[in-house]
C-alpha atoms as a PDB file:
ATOM      1  CA  MET A   1     -17.829  27.660 -41.416  1.00  0.00           C
ATOM      2  CA  ALA A   2     -17.689  23.935 -40.745  1.00  0.00           C
ATOM      3  CA  ASP A   3     -20.702  21.841 -41.588  1.00  0.00           C
ATOM      4  CA  ASN A   4     -22.257  19.304 -39.223  1.00  0.00           C
ATOM      5  CA  SER A   5     -20.305  16.309 -40.554  1.00  0.00           C
ATOM      6  CA  GLN A   6     -16.997  18.111 -39.975  1.00  0.00           C
ATOM      7  CA  LYS A   7     -18.059  19.066 -36.443  1.00  0.00           C
ATOM      8  CA  MET A   8     -19.153  15.500 -35.709  1.00  0.00           C
ATOM      9  CA  SER A   9     -15.882  14.146 -37.075  1.00  0.00           C
ATOM     10  CA  TYR A  10     -13.908  16.599 -34.962  1.00  0.00           C
ATOM     11  CA  HIS A  11     -15.809  15.666 -31.785  1.00  0.00           C
ATOM     12  CA  ALA A  12     -15.450  11.964 -32.536  1.00  0.00           C
ATOM     13  CA  GLY A  13     -11.697  12.391 -32.886  1.00  0.00           C
ATOM     14  CA  GLU A  14     -11.588  14.417 -29.705  1.00  0.00           C
ATOM     15  CA  ALA A  15     -13.513  11.706 -27.796  1.00  0.00           C
ATOM     16  CA  LYS A  16     -11.244   9.007 -29.223  1.00  0.00           C
ATOM     17  CA  GLY A  17      -8.149  10.879 -28.045  1.00  0.00           C
ATOM     18  CA  GLN A  18      -9.582  11.297 -24.557  1.00  0.00           C
ATOM     19  CA  ALA A  19     -10.490   7.600 -24.377  1.00  0.00           C
ATOM     20  CA  GLN A  20      -6.977   6.610 -25.482  1.00  0.00           C
ATOM     21  CA  GLU A  21      -5.423   8.852 -22.835  1.00  0.00           C
ATOM     22  CA  LYS A  22      -7.653   7.397 -20.112  1.00  0.00           C
ATOM     23  CA  ALA A  23      -6.784   3.861 -21.222  1.00  0.00           C
ATOM     24  CA  SER A  24      -3.092   4.715 -21.180  1.00  0.00           C
ATOM     25  CA  ASN A  25      -3.367   6.171 -17.673  1.00  0.00           C
ATOM     26  CA  MET A  26      -5.188   3.069 -16.454  1.00  0.00           C
ATOM     27  CA  MET A  27      -2.498   0.833 -17.945  1.00  0.00           C
ATOM     28  CA  ASP A  28       0.208   2.900 -16.248  1.00  0.00           C
ATOM     29  CA  LYS A  29      -1.564   2.572 -12.899  1.00  0.00           C
ATOM     30  CA  THR A  30      -1.956  -1.179 -13.399  1.00  0.00           C
ATOM     31  CA  SER A  31       1.704  -1.523 -14.309  1.00  0.00           C
ATOM     32  CA  ASN A  32       2.753   0.480 -11.251  1.00  0.00           C
ATOM     33  CA  ALA A  33       0.555  -1.659  -9.000  1.00  0.00           C
ATOM     34  CA  ALA A  34       2.015  -4.839 -10.476  1.00  0.00           C
ATOM     35  CA  GLN A  35       5.562  -3.555  -9.969  1.00  0.00           C
ATOM     36  CA  SER A  36       4.793  -2.645  -6.359  1.00  0.00           C
ATOM     37  CA  ALA A  37       3.312  -6.095  -5.734  1.00  0.00           C
ATOM     38  CA  LYS A  38       6.368  -7.742  -7.281  1.00  0.00           C
ATOM     39  CA  GLU A  39       8.729  -5.722  -5.087  1.00  0.00           C
ATOM     40  CA  TYR A  40       6.649  -6.503  -1.985  1.00  0.00           C
ATOM     41  CA  MET A  41       6.713 -10.231  -2.747  1.00  0.00           C
ATOM     42  CA  GLN A  42      10.476 -10.152  -3.315  1.00  0.00           C
ATOM     43  CA  GLU A  43      11.014  -8.407   0.024  1.00  0.00           C
ATOM     44  CA  THR A  44       8.689 -10.833   1.802  1.00  0.00           C
ATOM     45  CA  GLY A  45      10.442 -13.798   0.198  1.00  0.00           C
ATOM     46  CA  GLN A  46      13.826 -12.477   1.312  1.00  0.00           C
ATOM     47  CA  GLN A  47      12.562 -12.018   4.884  1.00  0.00           C
ATOM     48  CA  VAL A  48      11.174 -15.566   4.958  1.00  0.00           C
ATOM     49  CA  LYS A  49      14.453 -16.908   3.613  1.00  0.00           C
ATOM     50  CA  GLU A  50      16.437 -15.054   6.287  1.00  0.00           C
ATOM     51  CA  LYS A  51      14.128 -16.224   9.090  1.00  0.00           C
ATOM     52  CA  THR A  52      14.280 -19.814   7.846  1.00  0.00           C
ATOM     53  CA  GLN A  53      18.072 -19.689   7.703  1.00  0.00           C
ATOM     54  CA  GLY A  54      18.167 -18.221  11.218  1.00  0.00           C
ATOM     55  CA  ALA A  55      15.907 -20.987  12.530  1.00  0.00           C
ATOM     56  CA  ALA A  56      18.024 -23.662  10.850  1.00  0.00           C
ATOM     57  CA  ASP A  57      21.196 -22.170  12.350  1.00  0.00           C
ATOM     58  CA  ALA A  58      19.576 -22.070  15.798  1.00  0.00           C
ATOM     59  CA  MET A  59      18.587 -25.721  15.484  1.00  0.00           C
ATOM     60  CA  LYS A  60      22.117 -26.659  14.434  1.00  0.00           C
ATOM     61  CA  ASP A  61      23.518 -24.751  17.411  1.00  0.00           C
ATOM     62  CA  ALA A  62      21.101 -26.471  19.776  1.00  0.00           C
ATOM     63  CA  ALA A  63      21.998 -29.887  18.369  1.00  0.00           C
ATOM     64  CA  GLY A  64      25.725 -29.148  18.419  1.00  0.00           C
ATOM     65  CA  MET A  65      25.970 -29.616  14.651  1.00  0.00           C
ATOM     66  CA  LYS A  66      27.378 -26.212  13.808  1.00  0.00           C
ATOM     67  CA  ASN A  67      31.099 -25.555  13.790  1.00  0.00           C
END
């Protein structure tokens, strides 16, 4: 039968493992959120670029500068 110090050591190791798993899960969630934000910003940037190009083309058309 295990004595108290062995039981305490076992429970401490068990708690450490659970804490490491929780930390890993939190890091995964943070990484996923960062990736989603990056993708959103890239899409938004592309949309702004397209709208800006469209506005510039419209201005060139209106001014008769476009071939």
